[in-house]
Amino acid sequence: MKFKFPLPLDEQLGFSLYGAFIAVGRTYKLWLDKIGLTYPQYLVLNVLWEEDDQTITGIATRLDLESSTITPLVKRLEQAGLVSRNRNPQDERQVRVLLTARGGAIRAETRALAEALYKKAEAAGMTVEVLADLNLRVTALRDAFRAP
């Protein structure tokens, strides 16, 4: 396939990915507002649901963000009673983040979010298998762009 540059906006990958991100984000927002979370807070909780008791640095690394971005998110999650922060007794510079019982339980409430996303995808003719394949391809693309 030959491209004529510059590409029209609707043929630019970045624009398509950006538009998809915005559309998916709107769906997330509807559901996350109901449980009082922002999308970045939801991501932090996902990291902890995968593996509880992590450092701020570990969470930041997993989300490909700076520690200085994670700290205020974790503070707000702590104020909401979803996580606790504790200094590591072996290294006082290190802050460990743990889910509270409420933080673990809120995961069940996010199932409605997954269902809403899949319903929208099904309406567009995409099966769960197609979405899983799309996710693998987008992840591979992300990783290719991260490479030096």
N, C-alpha and C. Protein backbone atom coordinates (compact mmCIF):
# COMPACT_ATOMS: atom_id res chain seq x y z
N MET A 1 0.85 -1.17 0.00
CA MET A 1 0.00 0.00 0.00
C MET A 1 0.90 1.24 0.00
N LYS A 2 0.62 2.15 -0.86
CA LYS A 2 1.40 3.37 -0.96
C LYS A 2 0.63 4.52 -0.35
N PHE A 3 1.33 5.32 0.43
CA PHE A 3 0.71 6.47 1.07
C PHE A 3 1.19 7.74 0.40
N LYS A 4 0.29 8.68 0.31
CA LYS A 4 0.64 10.01 -0.17
C LYS A 4 0.66 10.92 1.04
N PHE A 5 1.82 11.48 1.31
CA PHE A 5 1.98 12.31 2.49
C PHE A 5 1.85 13.78 2.16
N PRO A 6 1.32 14.59 3.02
CA PRO A 6 0.78 14.19 4.32
C PRO A 6 -0.58 13.52 4.16
N LEU A 7 -0.84 12.58 5.06
CA LEU A 7 -2.10 11.85 5.04
C LEU A 7 -3.25 12.73 5.50
N PRO A 8 -4.43 12.53 4.92
CA PRO A 8 -5.61 13.22 5.46
C PRO A 8 -5.82 12.78 6.92
N LEU A 9 -6.38 13.62 7.70
CA LEU A 9 -6.53 13.38 9.13
C LEU A 9 -7.16 12.03 9.44
N ASP A 10 -8.23 11.66 8.75
CA ASP A 10 -8.93 10.40 9.04
C ASP A 10 -8.11 9.17 8.69
N GLU A 11 -7.00 9.33 7.98
CA GLU A 11 -6.13 8.20 7.64
C GLU A 11 -4.89 8.14 8.52
N GLN A 12 -4.77 9.06 9.47
CA GLN A 12 -3.62 9.09 10.36
C GLN A 12 -3.87 8.20 11.58
N LEU A 13 -2.95 7.28 11.81
CA LEU A 13 -3.08 6.33 12.92
C LEU A 13 -3.23 7.05 14.26
N GLY A 14 -2.41 8.06 14.47
CA GLY A 14 -2.47 8.78 15.75
C GLY A 14 -3.84 9.38 16.01
N PHE A 15 -4.45 9.92 14.97
CA PHE A 15 -5.77 10.51 15.13
C PHE A 15 -6.81 9.44 15.44
N SER A 16 -6.71 8.30 14.78
CA SER A 16 -7.65 7.20 15.05
C SER A 16 -7.50 6.67 16.47
N LEU A 17 -6.25 6.49 16.91
CA LEU A 17 -6.02 6.02 18.27
C LEU A 17 -6.49 7.04 19.30
N TYR A 18 -6.22 8.31 19.02
CA TYR A 18 -6.65 9.37 19.92
C TYR A 18 -8.18 9.40 20.03
N GLY A 19 -8.86 9.31 18.90
CA GLY A 19 -10.32 9.31 18.90
C GLY A 19 -10.89 8.10 19.64
N ALA A 20 -10.25 6.94 19.45
CA ALA A 20 -10.70 5.73 20.16
C ALA A 20 -10.49 5.90 21.65
N PHE A 21 -9.35 6.47 22.04
CA PHE A 21 -9.07 6.70 23.46
C PHE A 21 -10.11 7.62 24.07
N ILE A 22 -10.46 8.69 23.37
CA ILE A 22 -11.46 9.64 23.89
C ILE A 22 -12.81 8.94 24.03
N ALA A 23 -13.20 8.17 23.03
CA ALA A 23 -14.50 7.49 23.07
C ALA A 23 -14.56 6.45 24.19
N VAL A 24 -13.51 5.67 24.33
CA VAL A 24 -13.47 4.68 25.41
C VAL A 24 -13.44 5.40 26.76
N GLY A 25 -12.69 6.47 26.83
CA GLY A 25 -12.60 7.25 28.07
C GLY A 25 -13.95 7.78 28.52
N ARG A 26 -14.78 8.18 27.57
CA ARG A 26 -16.13 8.65 27.92
C ARG A 26 -16.95 7.53 28.55
N THR A 27 -16.81 6.33 28.01
CA THR A 27 -17.53 5.19 28.57
C THR A 27 -17.02 4.89 29.98
N TYR A 28 -15.71 4.91 30.14
CA TYR A 28 -15.14 4.71 31.48
C TYR A 28 -15.66 5.75 32.45
N LYS A 29 -15.66 7.01 32.02
CA LYS A 29 -16.05 8.12 32.91
C LYS A 29 -17.46 7.94 33.44
N LEU A 30 -18.38 7.53 32.59
CA LEU A 30 -19.76 7.31 33.04
C LEU A 30 -19.82 6.34 34.22
N TRP A 31 -19.06 5.27 34.11
CA TRP A 31 -19.10 4.24 35.16
C TRP A 31 -18.23 4.61 36.35
N LEU A 32 -17.07 5.19 36.10
CA LEU A 32 -16.18 5.54 37.20
C LEU A 32 -16.75 6.66 38.06
N ASP A 33 -17.49 7.59 37.44
CA ASP A 33 -18.14 8.64 38.22
C ASP A 33 -19.10 8.04 39.25
N LYS A 34 -19.75 6.95 38.89
CA LYS A 34 -20.71 6.31 39.79
C LYS A 34 -20.04 5.74 41.04
N ILE A 35 -18.77 5.34 40.91
CA ILE A 35 -18.08 4.77 42.08
C ILE A 35 -17.04 5.74 42.64
N GLY A 36 -17.01 6.95 42.10
CA GLY A 36 -16.18 8.01 42.67
C GLY A 36 -14.71 7.91 42.37
N LEU A 37 -14.36 7.39 41.21
CA LEU A 37 -12.96 7.26 40.82
C LEU A 37 -12.67 8.01 39.53
N THR A 38 -11.44 8.48 39.40
CA THR A 38 -10.97 8.97 38.12
C THR A 38 -10.31 7.81 37.39
N TYR A 39 -10.08 7.96 36.11
CA TYR A 39 -9.43 6.89 35.35
C TYR A 39 -8.02 6.60 35.89
N PRO A 40 -7.20 7.62 36.16
CA PRO A 40 -5.87 7.31 36.72
C PRO A 40 -5.94 6.59 38.07
N GLN A 41 -6.91 6.94 38.91
CA GLN A 41 -7.07 6.22 40.18
C GLN A 41 -7.46 4.77 39.92
N TYR A 42 -8.34 4.56 38.95
CA TYR A 42 -8.75 3.22 38.56
C TYR A 42 -7.55 2.40 38.11
N LEU A 43 -6.65 3.02 37.36
CA LEU A 43 -5.44 2.31 36.91
C LEU A 43 -4.57 1.90 38.09
N VAL A 44 -4.40 2.79 39.06
CA VAL A 44 -3.62 2.46 40.26
C VAL A 44 -4.25 1.28 40.98
N LEU A 45 -5.56 1.30 41.14
CA LEU A 45 -6.24 0.17 41.79
C LEU A 45 -6.04 -1.11 41.00
N ASN A 46 -6.08 -1.04 39.68
CA ASN A 46 -5.85 -2.24 38.87
C ASN A 46 -4.48 -2.84 39.13
N VAL A 47 -3.48 -1.99 39.25
CA VAL A 47 -2.13 -2.48 39.55
C VAL A 47 -2.14 -3.22 40.89
N LEU A 48 -2.81 -2.65 41.87
CA LEU A 48 -2.87 -3.27 43.20
C LEU A 48 -3.74 -4.52 43.20
N TRP A 49 -4.77 -4.57 42.38
CA TRP A 49 -5.59 -5.78 42.28
C TRP A 49 -4.77 -6.91 41.66
N GLU A 50 -3.86 -6.58 40.77
CA GLU A 50 -2.99 -7.61 40.18
C GLU A 50 -2.00 -8.13 41.21
N GLU A 51 -1.44 -7.20 42.00
CA GLU A 51 -0.49 -7.56 43.05
C GLU A 51 -0.50 -6.47 44.11
N ASP A 52 -1.02 -6.81 45.27
CA ASP A 52 -1.14 -5.84 46.37
C ASP A 52 0.23 -5.60 47.00
N ASP A 53 0.30 -4.56 47.83
CA ASP A 53 1.50 -4.22 48.59
C ASP A 53 2.67 -3.90 47.65
N GLN A 54 2.54 -2.75 46.99
CA GLN A 54 3.58 -2.31 46.06
C GLN A 54 4.09 -0.94 46.47
N THR A 55 5.28 -0.62 46.01
CA THR A 55 5.85 0.70 46.26
C THR A 55 5.26 1.70 45.25
N ILE A 56 5.37 2.97 45.60
CA ILE A 56 4.96 4.03 44.66
C ILE A 56 5.74 3.87 43.36
N THR A 57 7.04 3.61 43.47
CA THR A 57 7.89 3.43 42.29
C THR A 57 7.42 2.24 41.46
N GLY A 58 7.05 1.15 42.11
CA GLY A 58 6.57 -0.03 41.39
C GLY A 58 5.29 0.25 40.62
N ILE A 59 4.39 0.98 41.24
CA ILE A 59 3.13 1.35 40.58
C ILE A 59 3.43 2.26 39.39
N ALA A 60 4.30 3.24 39.60
CA ALA A 60 4.66 4.18 38.53
C ALA A 60 5.29 3.44 37.36
N THR A 61 6.16 2.50 37.65
CA THR A 61 6.81 1.73 36.58
C THR A 61 5.78 0.93 35.79
N ARG A 62 4.88 0.28 36.50
CA ARG A 62 3.85 -0.55 35.84
C ARG A 62 2.96 0.30 34.92
N LEU A 63 2.67 1.54 35.33
CA LEU A 63 1.79 2.41 34.55
C LEU A 63 2.55 3.31 33.59
N ASP A 64 3.87 3.20 33.58
CA ASP A 64 4.72 4.01 32.71
C ASP A 64 4.52 5.50 33.00
N LEU A 65 4.48 5.84 34.30
CA LEU A 65 4.31 7.21 34.76
C LEU A 65 5.41 7.55 35.76
N GLU A 66 5.51 8.81 36.10
CA GLU A 66 6.48 9.26 37.10
C GLU A 66 5.91 9.03 38.51
N SER A 67 6.80 8.76 39.45
CA SER A 67 6.38 8.60 40.85
C SER A 67 5.65 9.84 41.35
N SER A 68 6.09 11.01 40.88
CA SER A 68 5.45 12.26 41.31
C SER A 68 4.01 12.38 40.82
N THR A 69 3.66 11.62 39.80
CA THR A 69 2.28 11.58 39.32
C THR A 69 1.45 10.62 40.16
N ILE A 70 2.06 9.54 40.61
CA ILE A 70 1.35 8.51 41.37
C ILE A 70 1.05 8.95 42.80
N THR A 71 1.98 9.67 43.41
CA THR A 71 1.83 10.05 44.82
C THR A 71 0.51 10.76 45.12
N PRO A 72 0.13 11.81 44.36
CA PRO A 72 -1.16 12.45 44.68
C PRO A 72 -2.36 11.54 44.42
N LEU A 73 -2.26 10.65 43.45
CA LEU A 73 -3.35 9.71 43.19
C LEU A 73 -3.53 8.78 44.39
N VAL A 74 -2.43 8.29 44.90
CA VAL A 74 -2.48 7.38 46.04
C VAL A 74 -2.99 8.11 47.28
N LYS A 75 -2.59 9.35 47.45
CA LYS A 75 -3.09 10.12 48.60
C LYS A 75 -4.61 10.26 48.54
N ARG A 76 -5.14 10.53 47.35
CA ARG A 76 -6.60 10.66 47.22
C ARG A 76 -7.29 9.31 47.43
N LEU A 77 -6.68 8.24 46.97
CA LEU A 77 -7.25 6.91 47.20
C LEU A 77 -7.22 6.57 48.70
N GLU A 78 -6.19 7.02 49.39
CA GLU A 78 -6.11 6.80 50.83
C GLU A 78 -7.20 7.60 51.55
N GLN A 79 -7.40 8.86 51.14
CA GLN A 79 -8.46 9.68 51.74
C GLN A 79 -9.84 9.06 51.52
N ALA A 80 -10.01 8.36 50.40
CA ALA A 80 -11.28 7.69 50.10
C ALA A 80 -11.41 6.35 50.81
N GLY A 81 -10.37 5.93 51.53
CA GLY A 81 -10.42 4.68 52.27
C GLY A 81 -10.18 3.44 51.44
N LEU A 82 -9.56 3.60 50.26
CA LEU A 82 -9.37 2.47 49.36
C LEU A 82 -7.98 1.84 49.46
N VAL A 83 -7.01 2.62 49.93
CA VAL A 83 -5.65 2.11 50.12
C VAL A 83 -5.08 2.68 51.40
N SER A 84 -4.00 2.08 51.85
CA SER A 84 -3.23 2.65 52.96
C SER A 84 -1.78 2.77 52.49
N ARG A 85 -1.10 3.78 53.04
CA ARG A 85 0.32 3.99 52.72
C ARG A 85 1.13 3.77 53.99
N ASN A 86 2.22 3.07 53.84
CA ASN A 86 3.09 2.80 54.99
C ASN A 86 4.54 2.91 54.55
N ARG A 87 5.35 3.48 55.44
CA ARG A 87 6.79 3.52 55.18
C ARG A 87 7.36 2.12 55.35
N ASN A 88 8.27 1.76 54.48
CA ASN A 88 8.95 0.48 54.57
C ASN A 88 9.90 0.53 55.77
N PRO A 89 9.74 -0.35 56.76
CA PRO A 89 10.62 -0.30 57.94
C PRO A 89 12.10 -0.53 57.59
N GLN A 90 12.37 -1.25 56.51
CA GLN A 90 13.76 -1.50 56.11
C GLN A 90 14.35 -0.33 55.33
N ASP A 91 13.49 0.51 54.74
CA ASP A 91 13.97 1.66 53.96
C ASP A 91 12.92 2.76 54.07
N GLU A 92 13.12 3.69 54.99
CA GLU A 92 12.15 4.75 55.28
C GLU A 92 11.82 5.62 54.07
N ARG A 93 12.70 5.63 53.07
CA ARG A 93 12.43 6.44 51.87
C ARG A 93 11.34 5.83 51.01
N GLN A 94 11.07 4.57 51.22
CA GLN A 94 10.13 3.82 50.39
C GLN A 94 8.73 3.79 51.01
N VAL A 95 7.73 4.13 50.21
CA VAL A 95 6.34 4.08 50.66
C VAL A 95 5.67 2.88 49.99
N ARG A 96 5.07 2.04 50.81
CA ARG A 96 4.35 0.87 50.30
C ARG A 96 2.86 1.18 50.30
N VAL A 97 2.17 0.71 49.29
CA VAL A 97 0.73 0.96 49.13
C VAL A 97 0.01 -0.38 49.19
N LEU A 98 -1.00 -0.45 50.04
CA LEU A 98 -1.79 -1.67 50.21
C LEU A 98 -3.27 -1.36 50.06
N LEU A 99 -3.99 -2.28 49.48
CA LEU A 99 -5.44 -2.15 49.39
C LEU A 99 -6.06 -2.31 50.77
N THR A 100 -7.09 -1.53 51.04
CA THR A 100 -7.92 -1.77 52.22
C THR A 100 -8.97 -2.79 51.80
N ALA A 101 -9.76 -3.25 52.77
CA ALA A 101 -10.85 -4.18 52.44
C ALA A 101 -11.80 -3.51 51.43
N ARG A 102 -12.08 -2.24 51.64
CA ARG A 102 -12.96 -1.51 50.72
C ARG A 102 -12.33 -1.39 49.33
N GLY A 103 -11.02 -1.16 49.27
CA GLY A 103 -10.32 -1.07 48.00
C GLY A 103 -10.35 -2.37 47.23
N GLY A 104 -10.28 -3.48 47.94
CA GLY A 104 -10.39 -4.78 47.28
C GLY A 104 -11.81 -5.06 46.82
N ALA A 105 -12.78 -4.66 47.64
CA ALA A 105 -14.18 -4.93 47.33
C ALA A 105 -14.70 -4.11 46.16
N ILE A 106 -14.16 -2.94 45.96
CA ILE A 106 -14.65 -2.06 44.88
C ILE A 106 -14.41 -2.68 43.50
N ARG A 107 -13.50 -3.64 43.44
CA ARG A 107 -13.22 -4.31 42.16
C ARG A 107 -14.48 -4.92 41.56
N ALA A 108 -15.33 -5.48 42.41
CA ALA A 108 -16.57 -6.09 41.93
C ALA A 108 -17.46 -5.06 41.22
N GLU A 109 -17.41 -3.82 41.68
CA GLU A 109 -18.23 -2.76 41.07
C GLU A 109 -17.74 -2.39 39.67
N THR A 110 -16.51 -2.70 39.36
CA THR A 110 -15.98 -2.35 38.04
C THR A 110 -16.38 -3.36 36.96
N ARG A 111 -17.00 -4.45 37.35
CA ARG A 111 -17.45 -5.43 36.36
C ARG A 111 -18.47 -4.81 35.40
N ALA A 112 -19.29 -3.92 35.92
CA ALA A 112 -20.28 -3.24 35.07
C ALA A 112 -19.59 -2.43 33.99
N LEU A 113 -18.43 -1.89 34.31
CA LEU A 113 -17.66 -1.13 33.34
C LEU A 113 -17.20 -2.03 32.20
N ALA A 114 -16.66 -3.18 32.52
CA ALA A 114 -16.22 -4.12 31.49
C ALA A 114 -17.40 -4.54 30.61
N GLU A 115 -18.53 -4.80 31.24
CA GLU A 115 -19.72 -5.19 30.48
C GLU A 115 -20.16 -4.08 29.54
N ALA A 116 -20.12 -2.83 30.00
CA ALA A 116 -20.51 -1.70 29.15
C ALA A 116 -19.58 -1.57 27.95
N LEU A 117 -18.28 -1.76 28.17
CA LEU A 117 -17.33 -1.68 27.06
C LEU A 117 -17.57 -2.78 26.04
N TYR A 118 -17.80 -4.00 26.52
CA TYR A 118 -18.04 -5.11 25.60
C TYR A 118 -19.35 -4.96 24.84
N LYS A 119 -20.37 -4.41 25.48
CA LYS A 119 -21.65 -4.18 24.78
C LYS A 119 -21.46 -3.19 23.63
N LYS A 120 -20.70 -2.13 23.88
CA LYS A 120 -20.44 -1.14 22.82
C LYS A 120 -19.65 -1.79 21.69
N ALA A 121 -18.67 -2.61 22.03
CA ALA A 121 -17.87 -3.28 21.02
C ALA A 121 -18.73 -4.27 20.22
N GLU A 122 -19.59 -4.99 20.90
CA GLU A 122 -20.48 -5.93 20.21
C GLU A 122 -21.40 -5.20 19.25
N ALA A 123 -21.85 -4.03 19.65
CA ALA A 123 -22.72 -3.24 18.77
C ALA A 123 -21.98 -2.83 17.50
N ALA A 124 -20.66 -2.77 17.58
CA ALA A 124 -19.84 -2.44 16.40
C ALA A 124 -19.42 -3.70 15.66
N GLY A 125 -19.95 -4.87 16.07
CA GLY A 125 -19.65 -6.11 15.39
C GLY A 125 -18.35 -6.77 15.84
N MET A 126 -17.85 -6.38 17.00
CA MET A 126 -16.60 -6.94 17.51
C MET A 126 -16.88 -7.94 18.62
N THR A 127 -16.32 -9.12 18.48
CA THR A 127 -16.46 -10.14 19.51
C THR A 127 -15.37 -9.92 20.57
N VAL A 128 -15.49 -10.67 21.65
CA VAL A 128 -14.48 -10.62 22.70
C VAL A 128 -13.12 -11.02 22.12
N GLU A 129 -13.14 -12.01 21.23
CA GLU A 129 -11.88 -12.47 20.62
C GLU A 129 -11.25 -11.38 19.75
N VAL A 130 -12.08 -10.65 19.02
CA VAL A 130 -11.57 -9.55 18.18
C VAL A 130 -10.97 -8.47 19.08
N LEU A 131 -11.65 -8.14 20.17
CA LEU A 131 -11.11 -7.14 21.11
C LEU A 131 -9.79 -7.59 21.72
N ALA A 132 -9.70 -8.86 22.08
CA ALA A 132 -8.46 -9.38 22.66
C ALA A 132 -7.32 -9.27 21.64
N ASP A 133 -7.61 -9.60 20.38
CA ASP A 133 -6.60 -9.48 19.33
C ASP A 133 -6.21 -8.02 19.11
N LEU A 134 -7.21 -7.14 19.10
CA LEU A 134 -6.93 -5.71 18.94
C LEU A 134 -6.04 -5.21 20.07
N ASN A 135 -6.33 -5.65 21.29
CA ASN A 135 -5.52 -5.24 22.44
C ASN A 135 -4.07 -5.71 22.28
N LEU A 136 -3.88 -6.95 21.81
CA LEU A 136 -2.52 -7.45 21.58
C LEU A 136 -1.79 -6.62 20.53
N ARG A 137 -2.49 -6.25 19.48
CA ARG A 137 -1.87 -5.46 18.41
C ARG A 137 -1.53 -4.04 18.88
N VAL A 138 -2.43 -3.42 19.62
CA VAL A 138 -2.16 -2.07 20.13
C VAL A 138 -1.01 -2.12 21.13
N THR A 139 -0.96 -3.15 21.96
CA THR A 139 0.14 -3.31 22.90
C THR A 139 1.46 -3.48 22.16
N ALA A 140 1.47 -4.27 21.11
CA ALA A 140 2.69 -4.45 20.31
C ALA A 140 3.11 -3.13 19.66
N LEU A 141 2.14 -2.36 19.19
CA LEU A 141 2.43 -1.06 18.60
C LEU A 141 3.02 -0.12 19.65
N ARG A 142 2.41 -0.09 20.83
CA ARG A 142 2.92 0.73 21.93
C ARG A 142 4.36 0.36 22.26
N ASP A 143 4.62 -0.92 22.37
CA ASP A 143 5.96 -1.39 22.70
C ASP A 143 6.97 -1.02 21.61
N ALA A 144 6.55 -1.08 20.36
CA ALA A 144 7.44 -0.70 19.25
C ALA A 144 7.80 0.77 19.32
N PHE A 145 6.85 1.61 19.69
CA PHE A 145 7.11 3.03 19.80
C PHE A 145 7.93 3.37 21.04
N ARG A 146 7.88 2.54 22.05
CA ARG A 146 8.69 2.76 23.26
C ARG A 146 10.15 2.41 23.01
N ALA A 147 10.38 1.50 22.09
CA ALA A 147 11.76 1.03 21.83
C ALA A 147 12.63 2.18 21.33
N PRO A 148 13.90 2.17 21.73
CA PRO A 148 14.80 3.25 21.30
C PRO A 148 15.06 3.26 19.80
